[in-house]
PDB file of N, CA and C in Angstrom:
ATOM      1  N   MET A   1      -1.005  27.742 -18.569  1.00  0.00           N
ATOM      2  CA  MET A   1      -1.490  26.593 -18.263  1.00  0.00           C
ATOM      3  C   MET A   1      -1.500  25.422 -19.304  1.00  0.00           C
ATOM      4  N   VAL A   2      -1.335  24.055 -19.043  1.00  0.00           N
ATOM      5  CA  VAL A   2      -0.701  23.422 -20.082  1.00  0.00           C
ATOM      6  C   VAL A   2      -2.291  22.330 -19.956  1.00  0.00           C
ATOM      7  N   ASP A   3      -2.921  22.337 -21.272  1.00  0.00           N
ATOM      8  CA  ASP A   3      -4.322  21.497 -21.533  1.00  0.00           C
ATOM      9  C   ASP A   3      -3.712  20.110 -21.066  1.00  0.00           C
ATOM     10  N   THR A   4      -4.735  19.534 -20.518  1.00  0.00           N
ATOM     11  CA  THR A   4      -4.944  18.067 -20.166  1.00  0.00           C
ATOM     12  C   THR A   4      -4.430  17.238 -21.342  1.00  0.00           C
ATOM     13  N   ALA A   5      -5.030  17.677 -22.246  1.00  0.00           N
ATOM     14  CA  ALA A   5      -4.502  16.784 -23.650  1.00  0.00           C
ATOM     15  C   ALA A   5      -3.332  16.935 -24.082  1.00  0.00           C
ATOM     16  N   GLU A   6      -2.458  17.613 -23.849  1.00  0.00           N
ATOM     17  CA  GLU A   6      -1.130  17.850 -24.079  1.00  0.00           C
ATOM     18  C   GLU A   6      -0.230  17.024 -23.074  1.00  0.00           C
ATOM     19  N   ARG A   7      -0.688  17.163 -22.037  1.00  0.00           N
ATOM     20  CA  ARG A   7       0.214  16.473 -20.948  1.00  0.00           C
ATOM     21  C   ARG A   7       0.424  15.079 -21.073  1.00  0.00           C
ATOM     22  N   SER A   8       1.632  14.684 -20.681  1.00  0.00           N
ATOM     23  CA  SER A   8       1.956  13.202 -20.570  1.00  0.00           C
ATOM     24  C   SER A   8       1.594  12.263 -19.539  1.00  0.00           C
ATOM     25  N   GLY A   9       0.750  12.744 -18.857  1.00  0.00           N
ATOM     26  CA  GLY A   9       0.464  12.071 -17.472  1.00  0.00           C
ATOM     27  C   GLY A   9      -0.784  12.990 -16.824  1.00  0.00           C
ATOM     28  N   MET A  10      -0.603  12.439 -15.301  1.00  0.00           N
ATOM     29  CA  MET A  10      -1.614  13.094 -14.484  1.00  0.00           C
ATOM     30  C   MET A  10      -0.855  14.075 -13.407  1.00  0.00           C
ATOM     31  N   THR A  11      -1.473  14.965 -12.858  1.00  0.00           N
ATOM     32  CA  THR A  11      -0.810  15.803 -11.709  1.00  0.00           C
ATOM     33  C   THR A  11      -0.966  14.755 -10.289  1.00  0.00           C
ATOM     34  N   ILE A  12      -0.443  15.205  -9.591  1.00  0.00           N
ATOM     35  CA  ILE A  12      -0.200  14.386  -8.287  1.00  0.00           C
ATOM     36  C   ILE A  12      -1.777  14.496  -7.522  1.00  0.00           C
ATOM     37  N   ARG A  13      -2.364  15.879  -7.735  1.00  0.00           N
ATOM     38  CA  ARG A  13      -3.806  15.776  -7.304  1.00  0.00           C
ATOM     39  C   ARG A  13      -4.639  14.912  -8.141  1.00  0.00           C
ATOM     40  N   GLU A  14      -4.659  14.790  -9.395  1.00  0.00           N
ATOM     41  CA  GLU A  14      -5.478  14.056 -10.170  1.00  0.00           C
ATOM     42  C   GLU A  14      -5.290  12.390  -9.811  1.00  0.00           C
ATOM     43  N   LEU A  15      -3.757  12.138  -9.577  1.00  0.00           N
ATOM     44  CA  LEU A  15      -3.602  10.848  -8.999  1.00  0.00           C
ATOM     45  C   LEU A  15      -4.217  10.184  -7.891  1.00  0.00           C
ATOM     46  N   GLY A  16      -4.110  11.100  -6.864  1.00  0.00           N
ATOM     47  CA  GLY A  16      -4.667  11.011  -5.620  1.00  0.00           C
ATOM     48  C   GLY A  16      -6.407  11.058  -5.655  1.00  0.00           C
ATOM     49  N   GLU A  17      -6.915  11.624  -6.508  1.00  0.00           N
ATOM     50  CA  GLU A  17      -8.256  11.571  -6.727  1.00  0.00           C
ATOM     51  C   GLU A  17      -8.548  10.265  -7.360  1.00  0.00           C
ATOM     52  N   ARG A  18      -8.071   9.667  -8.291  1.00  0.00           N
ATOM     53  CA  ARG A  18      -8.370   8.439  -9.040  1.00  0.00           C
ATOM     54  C   ARG A  18      -7.957   7.289  -8.079  1.00  0.00           C
ATOM     55  N   PHE A  19      -7.223   7.404  -7.268  1.00  0.00           N
ATOM     56  CA  PHE A  19      -6.729   6.375  -6.444  1.00  0.00           C
ATOM     57  C   PHE A  19      -7.387   6.414  -4.768  1.00  0.00           C
ATOM     58  N   CYS A  20      -8.222   7.554  -4.711  1.00  0.00           N
ATOM     59  CA  CYS A  20      -8.605   7.806  -3.115  1.00  0.00           C
ATOM     60  C   CYS A  20      -7.853   8.067  -2.349  1.00  0.00           C
ATOM     61  N   LEU A  21      -6.376   8.913  -2.599  1.00  0.00           N
ATOM     62  CA  LEU A  21      -5.294   8.850  -1.695  1.00  0.00           C
ATOM     63  C   LEU A  21      -5.175  10.145  -1.293  1.00  0.00           C
ATOM     64  N   PRO A  22      -4.617  10.778  -0.159  1.00  0.00           N
ATOM     65  CA  PRO A  22      -4.125  12.065  -0.101  1.00  0.00           C
ATOM     66  C   PRO A  22      -2.950  12.375  -0.815  1.00  0.00           C
ATOM     67  N   VAL A  23      -2.537  13.455  -1.094  1.00  0.00           N
ATOM     68  CA  VAL A  23      -1.487  13.864  -1.596  1.00  0.00           C
ATOM     69  C   VAL A  23      -0.201  13.561  -1.074  1.00  0.00           C
ATOM     70  N   GLU A  24      -0.422  13.909   0.228  1.00  0.00           N
ATOM     71  CA  GLU A  24       0.728  13.815   1.248  1.00  0.00           C
ATOM     72  C   GLU A  24       1.254  12.178   0.950  1.00  0.00           C
ATOM     73  N   LYS A  25       0.343  11.471   1.074  1.00  0.00           N
ATOM     74  CA  LYS A  25       0.573   9.901   1.039  1.00  0.00           C
ATOM     75  C   LYS A  25       1.490   9.615  -0.313  1.00  0.00           C
ATOM     76  N   LEU A  26       0.924  10.403  -1.601  1.00  0.00           N
ATOM     77  CA  LEU A  26       1.884  10.016  -2.502  1.00  0.00           C
ATOM     78  C   LEU A  26       2.933  10.653  -2.764  1.00  0.00           C
ATOM     79  N   LYS A  27       3.286  11.970  -1.992  1.00  0.00           N
ATOM     80  CA  LYS A  27       4.556  12.804  -1.811  1.00  0.00           C
ATOM     81  C   LYS A  27       5.332  11.831  -0.929  1.00  0.00           C
ATOM     82  N   LYS A  28       4.811  10.922  -0.171  1.00  0.00           N
ATOM     83  CA  LYS A  28       5.562  10.148   0.870  1.00  0.00           C
ATOM     84  C   LYS A  28       6.213   8.977  -0.055  1.00  0.00           C
ATOM     85  N   TYR A  29       5.362   8.253  -1.051  1.00  0.00           N
ATOM     86  CA  TYR A  29       5.849   7.503  -1.893  1.00  0.00           C
ATOM     87  C   TYR A  29       6.737   7.769  -2.821  1.00  0.00           C
ATOM     88  N   GLU A  30       6.830   8.921  -3.344  1.00  0.00           N
ATOM     89  CA  GLU A  30       7.674   9.442  -4.028  1.00  0.00           C
ATOM     90  C   GLU A  30       8.859   9.656  -3.357  1.00  0.00           C
ATOM     91  N   ALA A  31       8.928  10.278  -2.088  1.00  0.00           N
ATOM     92  CA  ALA A  31      10.229  10.466  -1.342  1.00  0.00           C
ATOM     93  C   ALA A  31      10.838   9.434  -1.003  1.00  0.00           C
ATOM     94  N   CYS A  32      10.417   7.965  -0.762  1.00  0.00           N
ATOM     95  CA  CYS A  32      11.036   7.068  -0.628  1.00  0.00           C
ATOM     96  C   CYS A  32      11.335   6.306  -2.014  1.00  0.00           C
ATOM     97  N   GLY A  33      10.762   6.589  -3.172  1.00  0.00           N
ATOM     98  CA  GLY A  33      11.357   5.927  -4.406  1.00  0.00           C
ATOM     99  C   GLY A  33      10.518   5.020  -4.970  1.00  0.00           C
ATOM    100  N   LEU A  34       9.004   4.837  -4.402  1.00  0.00           N
ATOM    101  CA  LEU A  34       8.387   3.651  -4.797  1.00  0.00           C
ATOM    102  C   LEU A  34       7.955   4.780  -6.496  1.00  0.00           C
ATOM    103  N   ILE A  35       7.730   5.724  -6.316  1.00  0.00           N
ATOM    104  CA  ILE A  35       6.835   6.296  -7.831  1.00  0.00           C
ATOM    105  C   ILE A  35       7.767   7.242  -8.013  1.00  0.00           C
ATOM    106  N   ALA A  36       7.724   7.825  -9.434  1.00  0.00           N
ATOM    107  CA  ALA A  36       8.273   9.014  -9.631  1.00  0.00           C
ATOM    108  C   ALA A  36       7.823   9.774 -10.702  1.00  0.00           C
ATOM    109  N   GLY A  37       7.509  11.083 -10.542  1.00  0.00           N
ATOM    110  CA  GLY A  37       7.293  11.808 -11.716  1.00  0.00           C
ATOM    111  C   GLY A  37       8.212  12.704 -12.425  1.00  0.00           C
ATOM    112  N   THR A  38       7.532  13.422 -13.392  1.00  0.00           N
ATOM    113  CA  THR A  38       8.516  14.252 -14.174  1.00  0.00           C
ATOM    114  C   THR A  38       7.870  15.545 -14.366  1.00  0.00           C
ATOM    115  N   GLU A  39       8.710  16.391 -14.235  1.00  0.00           N
ATOM    116  CA  GLU A  39       8.319  18.017 -13.979  1.00  0.00           C
ATOM    117  C   GLU A  39       8.041  18.289 -15.535  1.00  0.00           C
ATOM    118  N   ASP A  40       6.818  18.998 -15.608  1.00  0.00           N
ATOM    119  CA  ASP A  40       6.464  19.615 -16.750  1.00  0.00           C
ATOM    120  C   ASP A  40       6.820  21.052 -17.152  1.00  0.00           C
ATOM    121  N   GLY A  41       6.842  21.465 -18.054  1.00  0.00           N
ATOM    122  CA  GLY A  41       7.314  23.091 -18.610  1.00  0.00           C
ATOM    123  C   GLY A  41       6.909  23.881 -17.415  1.00  0.00           C
ATOM    124  N   GLU A  42       5.862  23.879 -16.631  1.00  0.00           N
ATOM    125  CA  GLU A  42       5.029  24.429 -15.952  1.00  0.00           C
ATOM    126  C   GLU A  42       5.435  24.435 -14.246  1.00  0.00           C
ATOM    127  N   GLY A  43       6.390  23.429 -14.112  1.00  0.00           N
ATOM    128  CA  GLY A  43       7.004  23.146 -12.881  1.00  0.00           C
ATOM    129  C   GLY A  43       6.227  22.240 -12.098  1.00  0.00           C
ATOM    130  N   GLU A  44       5.081  21.645 -12.676  1.00  0.00           N
ATOM    131  CA  GLU A  44       4.199  20.621 -12.205  1.00  0.00           C
ATOM    132  C   GLU A  44       4.410  19.282 -12.360  1.00  0.00           C
ATOM    133  N   ARG A  45       4.457  18.199 -11.559  1.00  0.00           N
ATOM    134  CA  ARG A  45       4.934  17.290 -11.554  1.00  0.00           C
ATOM    135  C   ARG A  45       3.992  16.110 -12.446  1.00  0.00           C
ATOM    136  N   GLN A  46       4.378  15.322 -13.557  1.00  0.00           N
ATOM    137  CA  GLN A  46       3.444  14.637 -14.124  1.00  0.00           C
ATOM    138  C   GLN A  46       3.699  13.157 -13.833  1.00  0.00           C
ATOM    139  N   TYR A  47       2.765  12.311 -13.600  1.00  0.00           N
ATOM    140  CA  TYR A  47       2.812  10.794 -13.498  1.00  0.00           C
ATOM    141  C   TYR A  47       2.158  10.005 -14.793  1.00  0.00           C
ATOM    142  N   GLY A  48       3.162   9.517 -15.205  1.00  0.00           N
ATOM    143  CA  GLY A  48       2.619   8.340 -16.408  1.00  0.00           C
ATOM    144  C   GLY A  48       1.840   7.223 -16.007  1.00  0.00           C
ATOM    145  N   ASP A  49       1.694   6.397 -17.337  1.00  0.00           N
ATOM    146  CA  ASP A  49       0.898   5.159 -17.128  1.00  0.00           C
ATOM    147  C   ASP A  49       1.915   4.157 -16.160  1.00  0.00           C
ATOM    148  N   GLU A  50       3.133   4.329 -16.268  1.00  0.00           N
ATOM    149  CA  GLU A  50       3.852   3.302 -15.370  1.00  0.00           C
ATOM    150  C   GLU A  50       3.428   3.302 -13.852  1.00  0.00           C
ATOM    151  N   VAL A  51       3.258   4.739 -13.661  1.00  0.00           N
ATOM    152  CA  VAL A  51       3.032   4.781 -12.044  1.00  0.00           C
ATOM    153  C   VAL A  51       1.578   4.442 -11.776  1.00  0.00           C
ATOM    154  N   LEU A  52       0.648   4.702 -12.551  1.00  0.00           N
ATOM    155  CA  LEU A  52      -0.639   3.958 -12.598  1.00  0.00           C
ATOM    156  C   LEU A  52      -0.707   2.480 -12.381  1.00  0.00           C
ATOM    157  N   GLY A  53      -0.125   1.828 -13.014  1.00  0.00           N
ATOM    158  CA  GLY A  53       0.093   0.470 -13.039  1.00  0.00           C
ATOM    159  C   GLY A  53       0.870  -0.144 -11.798  1.00  0.00           C
ATOM    160  N   LYS A  54       1.377   0.817 -11.327  1.00  0.00           N
ATOM    161  CA  LYS A  54       2.510   0.279 -10.007  1.00  0.00           C
ATOM    162  C   LYS A  54       1.591   0.434  -8.616  1.00  0.00           C
ATOM    163  N   LEU A  55       0.663   1.490  -8.835  1.00  0.00           N
ATOM    164  CA  LEU A  55       0.053   2.324  -7.474  1.00  0.00           C
ATOM    165  C   LEU A  55      -1.016   1.445  -6.910  1.00  0.00           C
ATOM    166  N   GLY A  56      -1.669   0.779  -7.603  1.00  0.00           N
ATOM    167  CA  GLY A  56      -2.748  -0.418  -7.112  1.00  0.00           C
ATOM    168  C   GLY A  56      -1.489  -1.356  -6.303  1.00  0.00           C
ATOM    169  N   LEU A  57      -0.643  -2.011  -7.036  1.00  0.00           N
ATOM    170  CA  LEU A  57       0.432  -2.711  -6.156  1.00  0.00           C
ATOM    171  C   LEU A  57       0.857  -2.143  -4.978  1.00  0.00           C
ATOM    172  N   ILE A  58       1.280  -0.944  -4.768  1.00  0.00           N
ATOM    173  CA  ILE A  58       1.946  -0.455  -3.723  1.00  0.00           C
ATOM    174  C   ILE A  58       0.936  -0.257  -2.570  1.00  0.00           C
ATOM    175  N   CYS A  59      -0.397   0.342  -3.159  1.00  0.00           N
ATOM    176  CA  CYS A  59      -1.429   0.403  -2.011  1.00  0.00           C
ATOM    177  C   CYS A  59      -1.667  -1.077  -1.431  1.00  0.00           C
ATOM    178  N   THR A  60      -1.725  -2.082  -2.170  1.00  0.00           N
ATOM    179  CA  THR A  60      -2.080  -3.560  -1.504  1.00  0.00           C
ATOM    180  C   THR A  60      -1.087  -3.692  -0.376  1.00  0.00           C
ATOM    181  N   LEU A  61       0.342  -3.518  -0.769  1.00  0.00           N
ATOM    182  CA  LEU A  61       1.491  -4.101  -0.159  1.00  0.00           C
ATOM    183  C   LEU A  61       1.205  -2.978   1.147  1.00  0.00           C
ATOM    184  N   THR A  62       1.195  -1.933   1.062  1.00  0.00           N
ATOM    185  CA  THR A  62       1.256  -0.858   1.982  1.00  0.00           C
ATOM    186  C   THR A  62       0.113  -1.448   3.120  1.00  0.00           C
ATOM    187  N   GLU A  63      -0.997  -1.567   2.504  1.00  0.00           N
ATOM    188  CA  GLU A  63      -2.335  -1.936   3.606  1.00  0.00           C
ATOM    189  C   GLU A  63      -2.117  -3.269   4.263  1.00  0.00           C
ATOM    190  N   ALA A  64      -1.079  -4.046   3.521  1.00  0.00           N
ATOM    191  CA  ALA A  64      -0.765  -5.318   4.167  1.00  0.00           C
ATOM    192  C   ALA A  64       0.648  -5.097   5.311  1.00  0.00           C
ATOM    193  N   GLY A  65       0.891  -3.778   5.090  1.00  0.00           N
ATOM    194  CA  GLY A  65       1.674  -3.818   6.314  1.00  0.00           C
ATOM    195  C   GLY A  65       3.640  -3.686   6.044  1.00  0.00           C
ATOM    196  N   PHE A  66       3.433  -3.947   4.437  1.00  0.00           N
ATOM    197  CA  PHE A  66       4.910  -3.786   4.186  1.00  0.00           C
ATOM    198  C   PHE A  66       5.511  -2.304   4.212  1.00  0.00           C
ATOM    199  N   THR A  67       6.774  -2.159   4.491  1.00  0.00           N
ATOM    200  CA  THR A  67       7.396  -0.916   4.500  1.00  0.00           C
ATOM    201  C   THR A  67       7.606  -0.224   3.136  1.00  0.00           C
ATOM    202  N   CYS A  68       8.071   0.737   3.268  1.00  0.00           N
ATOM    203  CA  CYS A  68       8.609   1.286   2.047  1.00  0.00           C
ATOM    204  C   CYS A  68       9.792   0.725   1.442  1.00  0.00           C
ATOM    205  N   GLU A  69      10.518   0.259   2.291  1.00  0.00           N
ATOM    206  CA  GLU A  69      11.921  -0.330   1.637  1.00  0.00           C
ATOM    207  C   GLU A  69      11.477  -1.810   1.149  1.00  0.00           C
ATOM    208  N   GLU A  70      10.620  -2.528   2.167  1.00  0.00           N
ATOM    209  CA  GLU A  70      10.301  -3.688   1.409  1.00  0.00           C
ATOM    210  C   GLU A  70       9.510  -3.853   0.089  1.00  0.00           C
ATOM    211  N   ILE A  71       8.629  -2.674  -0.167  1.00  0.00           N
ATOM    212  CA  ILE A  71       8.073  -2.474  -1.255  1.00  0.00           C
ATOM    213  C   ILE A  71       9.184  -2.307  -2.329  1.00  0.00           C
ATOM    214  N   LYS A  72      10.232  -1.265  -2.109  1.00  0.00           N
ATOM    215  CA  LYS A  72      11.038  -1.284  -2.990  1.00  0.00           C
ATOM    216  C   LYS A  72      11.504  -2.327  -3.393  1.00  0.00           C
ATOM    217  N   GLN A  73      12.077  -3.258  -2.497  1.00  0.00           N
ATOM    218  CA  GLN A  73      12.737  -4.499  -3.013  1.00  0.00           C
ATOM    219  C   GLN A  73      12.145  -5.512  -3.564  1.00  0.00           C
ATOM    220  N   TYR A  74      10.467  -5.471  -3.238  1.00  0.00           N
ATOM    221  CA  TYR A  74       9.563  -6.374  -3.957  1.00  0.00           C
ATOM    222  C   TYR A  74       9.667  -5.807  -5.299  1.00  0.00           C
ATOM    223  N   LEU A  75       9.530  -4.500  -5.627  1.00  0.00           N
ATOM    224  CA  LEU A  75       9.366  -4.013  -6.979  1.00  0.00           C
ATOM    225  C   LEU A  75      10.900  -4.223  -7.783  1.00  0.00           C
ATOM    226  N   THR A  76      11.667  -4.437  -7.171  1.00  0.00           N
ATOM    227  CA  THR A  76      13.124  -4.652  -7.799  1.00  0.00           C
ATOM    228  C   THR A  76      13.353  -5.882  -8.297  1.00  0.00           C
ATOM    229  N   PHE A  77      12.774  -7.060  -7.617  1.00  0.00           N
ATOM    230  CA  PHE A  77      13.120  -8.121  -8.070  1.00  0.00           C
ATOM    231  C   PHE A  77      12.803  -8.446  -9.633  1.00  0.00           C
ATOM    232  N   PRO A  78      13.554  -9.369 -10.290  1.00  0.00           N
ATOM    233  CA  PRO A  78      13.572  -9.255 -11.616  1.00  0.00           C
ATOM    234  C   PRO A  78      12.250 -10.020 -12.381  1.00  0.00           C
ATOM    235  N   GLU A  79      11.744  -9.786 -13.226  1.00  0.00           N
ATOM    236  CA  GLU A  79      10.431 -10.362 -13.847  1.00  0.00           C
ATOM    237  C   GLU A  79      10.710 -11.974 -14.504  1.00  0.00           C
ATOM    238  N   ASP A  80      11.352 -12.758 -13.394  1.00  0.00           N
ATOM    239  CA  ASP A  80      11.569 -14.280 -13.947  1.00  0.00           C
ATOM    240  C   ASP A  80      11.021 -14.837 -13.123  1.00  0.00           C
ATOM    241  N   SER A  81      11.654 -16.302 -13.214  1.00  0.00           N
ATOM    242  CA  SER A  81      10.945 -17.190 -11.981  1.00  0.00           C
ATOM    243  C   SER A  81      11.541 -17.228 -10.640  1.00  0.00           C
ATOM    244  N   ARG A  82      13.089 -16.494 -10.777  1.00  0.00           N
ATOM    245  CA  ARG A  82      13.816 -16.183  -9.461  1.00  0.00           C
ATOM    246  C   ARG A  82      12.931 -15.066  -8.803  1.00  0.00           C
ATOM    247  N   GLY A  83      12.741 -13.971  -9.624  1.00  0.00           N
ATOM    248  CA  GLY A  83      12.150 -12.856  -8.976  1.00  0.00           C
ATOM    249  C   GLY A  83      10.838 -13.408  -8.456  1.00  0.00           C
ATOM    250  N   ALA A  84      10.181 -14.063  -9.102  1.00  0.00           N
ATOM    251  CA  ALA A  84       8.828 -14.610  -8.516  1.00  0.00           C
ATOM    252  C   ALA A  84       8.669 -15.279  -7.085  1.00  0.00           C
ATOM    253  N   ARG A  85       9.953 -16.251  -7.184  1.00  0.00           N
ATOM    254  CA  ARG A  85       9.990 -17.228  -5.967  1.00  0.00           C
ATOM    255  C   ARG A  85      10.314 -15.953  -4.760  1.00  0.00           C
ATOM    256  N   GLU A  86      11.167 -14.906  -5.167  1.00  0.00           N
ATOM    257  CA  GLU A  86      11.310 -14.165  -3.852  1.00  0.00           C
ATOM    258  C   GLU A  86      10.156 -13.417  -3.797  1.00  0.00           C
ATOM    259  N   ARG A  87       9.336 -12.879  -4.531  1.00  0.00           N
ATOM    260  CA  ARG A  87       8.123 -12.205  -4.057  1.00  0.00           C
ATOM    261  C   ARG A  87       7.200 -12.962  -3.498  1.00  0.00           C
ATOM    262  N   ILE A  88       7.089 -14.310  -3.746  1.00  0.00           N
ATOM    263  CA  ILE A  88       6.232 -15.066  -3.098  1.00  0.00           C
ATOM    264  C   ILE A  88       6.823 -15.485  -1.660  1.00  0.00           C
ATOM    265  N   LEU A  89       7.825 -15.751  -1.471  1.00  0.00           N
ATOM    266  CA  LEU A  89       8.490 -15.494   0.021  1.00  0.00           C
ATOM    267  C   LEU A  89       8.178 -14.380   0.760  1.00  0.00           C
ATOM    268  N   MET A  90       8.430 -13.523   0.086  1.00  0.00           N
ATOM    269  CA  MET A  90       7.942 -12.093   0.994  1.00  0.00           C
ATOM    270  C   MET A  90       6.561 -12.260   1.222  1.00  0.00           C
ATOM    271  N   LEU A  91       5.638 -12.322   0.317  1.00  0.00           N
ATOM    272  CA  LEU A  91       4.309 -12.237   0.358  1.00  0.00           C
ATOM    273  C   LEU A  91       3.804 -13.472   1.408  1.00  0.00           C
ATOM    274  N   LYS A  92       4.499 -14.757   1.475  1.00  0.00           N
ATOM    275  CA  LYS A  92       4.008 -15.623   2.443  1.00  0.00           C
ATOM    276  C   LYS A  92       4.589 -15.314   3.893  1.00  0.00           C
ATOM    277  N   ARG A  93       5.768 -14.858   4.102  1.00  0.00           N
ATOM    278  CA  ARG A  93       6.214 -14.128   5.339  1.00  0.00           C
ATOM    279  C   ARG A  93       5.093 -13.216   5.893  1.00  0.00           C
ATOM    280  N   ARG A  94       4.938 -12.135   5.186  1.00  0.00           N
ATOM    281  CA  ARG A  94       3.845 -11.267   5.547  1.00  0.00           C
ATOM    282  C   ARG A  94       2.719 -11.796   5.896  1.00  0.00           C
ATOM    283  N   ARG A  95       1.997 -12.830   4.858  1.00  0.00           N
ATOM    284  CA  ARG A  95       0.798 -13.312   5.309  1.00  0.00           C
ATOM    285  C   ARG A  95       0.585 -14.222   6.596  1.00  0.00           C
ATOM    286  N   GLY A  96       1.864 -14.914   6.558  1.00  0.00           N
ATOM    287  CA  GLY A  96       2.101 -15.720   8.234  1.00  0.00           C
ATOM    288  C   GLY A  96       1.979 -14.622   9.408  1.00  0.00           C
ATOM    289  N   GLU A  97       2.733 -13.339   9.215  1.00  0.00           N
ATOM    290  CA  GLU A  97       2.711 -12.305  10.393  1.00  0.00           C
ATOM    291  C   GLU A  97       1.038 -11.876  10.518  1.00  0.00           C
ATOM    292  N   MET A  98       0.463 -11.621   9.407  1.00  0.00           N
ATOM    293  CA  MET A  98      -1.196 -11.052   9.402  1.00  0.00           C
ATOM    294  C   MET A  98      -1.918 -12.498  10.084  1.00  0.00           C
ATOM    295  N   LEU A  99      -1.663 -13.588   9.646  1.00  0.00           N
ATOM    296  CA  LEU A  99      -2.643 -14.629  10.597  1.00  0.00           C
ATOM    297  C   LEU A  99      -1.932 -14.625  12.029  1.00  0.00           C
ATOM    298  N   ASP A 100      -0.804 -14.524  12.357  1.00  0.00           N
ATOM    299  CA  ASP A 100      -0.165 -14.572  14.030  1.00  0.00           C
ATOM    300  C   ASP A 100      -1.409 -13.335  14.536  1.00  0.00           C
ATOM    301  N   GLU A 101      -1.141 -12.120  13.837  1.00  0.00           N
ATOM    302  CA  GLU A 101      -1.879 -11.104  14.293  1.00  0.00           C
ATOM    303  C   GLU A 101      -3.549 -11.179  14.370  1.00  0.00           C
ATOM    304  N   ILE A 102      -4.038 -11.802  13.335  1.00  0.00           N
ATOM    305  CA  ILE A 102      -5.548 -12.460  13.621  1.00  0.00           C
ATOM    306  C   ILE A 102      -5.633 -13.483  14.615  1.00  0.00           C
ATOM    307  N   HIS A 103      -4.862 -14.243  14.755  1.00  0.00           N
ATOM    308  CA  HIS A 103      -5.206 -15.274  15.933  1.00  0.00           C
ATOM    309  C   HIS A 103      -4.804 -14.696  17.349  1.00  0.00           C
ATOM    310  N   ARG A 104      -3.964 -13.760  17.215  1.00  0.00           N
ATOM    311  CA  ARG A 104      -3.804 -12.978  18.518  1.00  0.00           C
ATOM    312  C   ARG A 104      -4.934 -12.105  19.130  1.00  0.00           C
ATOM    313  N   ARG A 105      -5.420 -11.563  17.936  1.00  0.00           N
ATOM    314  CA  ARG A 105      -6.355 -10.506  18.248  1.00  0.00           C
ATOM    315  C   ARG A 105      -7.933 -11.755  18.621  1.00  0.00           C
ATOM    316  N   GLN A 106      -8.043 -12.770  17.905  1.00  0.00           N
ATOM    317  CA  GLN A 106      -9.103 -13.641  17.969  1.00  0.00           C
ATOM    318  C   GLN A 106      -8.964 -13.971  19.511  1.00  0.00           C
ATOM    319  N   LYS A 107      -8.062 -14.358  20.294  1.00  0.00           N
ATOM    320  CA  LYS A 107      -7.669 -14.787  21.528  1.00  0.00           C
ATOM    321  C   LYS A 107      -8.287 -13.864  22.283  1.00  0.00           C
ATOM    322  N   LEU A 108      -7.985 -12.505  22.034  1.00  0.00           N
ATOM    323  CA  LEU A 108      -8.461 -11.380  22.877  1.00  0.00           C
ATOM    324  C   LEU A 108      -9.677 -11.159  22.816  1.00  0.00           C
ATOM    325  N   LEU A 109     -10.387 -11.190  21.768  1.00  0.00           N
ATOM    326  CA  LEU A 109     -11.725 -11.688  21.512  1.00  0.00           C
ATOM    327  C   LEU A 109     -12.647 -12.519  22.189  1.00  0.00           C
ATOM    328  N   ASP A 110     -11.988 -13.533  22.326  1.00  0.00           N
ATOM    329  CA  ASP A 110     -12.465 -14.525  23.207  1.00  0.00           C
ATOM    330  C   ASP A 110     -12.489 -14.444  24.577  1.00  0.00           C
ATOM    331  N   LYS A 111     -11.342 -13.666  24.984  1.00  0.00           N
ATOM    332  CA  LYS A 111     -11.255 -13.071  26.530  1.00  0.00           C
ATOM    333  C   LYS A 111     -12.396 -12.016  26.850  1.00  0.00           C
ATOM    334  N   ILE A 112     -12.698 -11.537  25.711  1.00  0.00           N
ATOM    335  CA  ILE A 112     -13.469 -10.274  26.006  1.00  0.00           C
ATOM    336  C   ILE A 112     -14.993 -10.957  26.086  1.00  0.00           C
ATOM    337  N   ASP A 113     -15.381 -11.821  24.944  1.00  0.00           N
ATOM    338  CA  ASP A 113     -16.625 -12.589  24.870  1.00  0.00           C
ATOM    339  C   ASP A 113     -16.926 -13.205  26.369  1.00  0.00           C
ATOM    340  N   PHE A 114     -15.672 -13.863  27.029  1.00  0.00           N
ATOM    341  CA  PHE A 114     -15.955 -14.214  28.345  1.00  0.00           C
ATOM    342  C   PHE A 114     -16.277 -13.181  29.230  1.00  0.00           C
ATOM    343  N   LEU A 115     -15.493 -12.204  29.152  1.00  0.00           N
ATOM    344  CA  LEU A 115     -15.822 -11.245  30.196  1.00  0.00           C
ATOM    345  C   LEU A 115     -17.381 -10.570  30.112  1.00  0.00           C
ATOM    346  N   ILE A 116     -17.602 -10.622  28.952  1.00  0.00           N
ATOM    347  CA  ILE A 116     -18.957 -10.445  28.761  1.00  0.00           C
ATOM    348  C   ILE A 116     -20.190 -11.371  29.307  1.00  0.00           C
ATOM    349  N   TRP A 117     -19.740 -12.591  28.989  1.00  0.00           N
ATOM    350  CA  TRP A 117     -20.854 -13.518  29.499  1.00  0.00           C
ATOM    351  C   TRP A 117     -20.654 -13.774  31.065  1.00  0.00           C
ATOM    352  N   LYS A 118     -19.322 -13.351  31.634  1.00  0.00           N
ATOM    353  CA  LYS A 118     -19.337 -13.390  33.146  1.00  0.00           C
ATOM    354  C   LYS A 118     -20.205 -12.416  33.639  1.00  0.00           C
ATOM    355  N   ASN A 119     -20.157 -11.280  33.221  1.00  0.00           N
ATOM    356  CA  ASN A 119     -20.959  -9.992  33.567  1.00  0.00           C
ATOM    357  C   ASN A 119     -22.391 -10.024  33.616  1.00  0.00           C
ATOM    358  N   LYS A 120     -22.799 -10.586  32.547  1.00  0.00           N
ATOM    359  CA  LYS A 120     -24.041 -11.116  32.244  1.00  0.00           C
ATOM    360  C   LYS A 120     -24.560 -12.152  33.304  1.00  0.00           C
ATOM    361  N   LYS A 121     -23.762 -13.132  33.527  1.00  0.00           N
ATOM    362  CA  LYS A 121     -24.580 -14.065  34.659  1.00  0.00           C
ATOM    363  C   LYS A 121     -24.714 -13.211  35.970  1.00  0.00           C
ATOM    364  N   LYS A 122     -23.757 -12.314  36.364  1.00  0.00           N
ATOM    365  CA  LYS A 122     -24.164 -11.412  37.639  1.00  0.00           C
ATOM    366  C   LYS A 122     -25.183 -10.558  37.406  1.00  0.00           C
ATOM    367  N   GLU A 123     -25.360 -10.270  36.082  1.00  0.00           N
ATOM    368  CA  GLU A 123     -26.660  -9.123  35.671  1.00  0.00           C
ATOM    369  C   GLU A 123     -27.936  -9.982  36.093  1.00  0.00           C
ATOM    370  N   GLU A 124     -27.961 -11.134  36.043  1.00  0.00           N
ATOM    371  CA  GLU A 124     -29.284 -12.018  35.967  1.00  0.00           C
ATOM    372  C   GLU A 124     -29.533 -12.129  37.355  1.00  0.00           C
TER     373      GLU A 124
END
């Protein structure tokens, strides 16, 4: 077994514990090309600092509803003003979709509240 101090990164299990993510989700991220590990001499995958830096962003984008392909696209934009504009466009588009969903759900809540009110009137 390789001592933790000798390793160049974290195992997938350690990564999952650090980010409170199931190993299966991390394996999915690796399978779709969002993160990459390297194999150590023991046949175990190791994940370096670059993965740690990316994983918080990946989790946020996933939670916001971005697909793996969209996240890959987001991550491949260059780190310049053009790339920033492209990322902003993607984020604003998703933000708009989220707001539409919030408004749709709010309308549904209003209908439910009306039904509660209507039934309370009958109850009295």
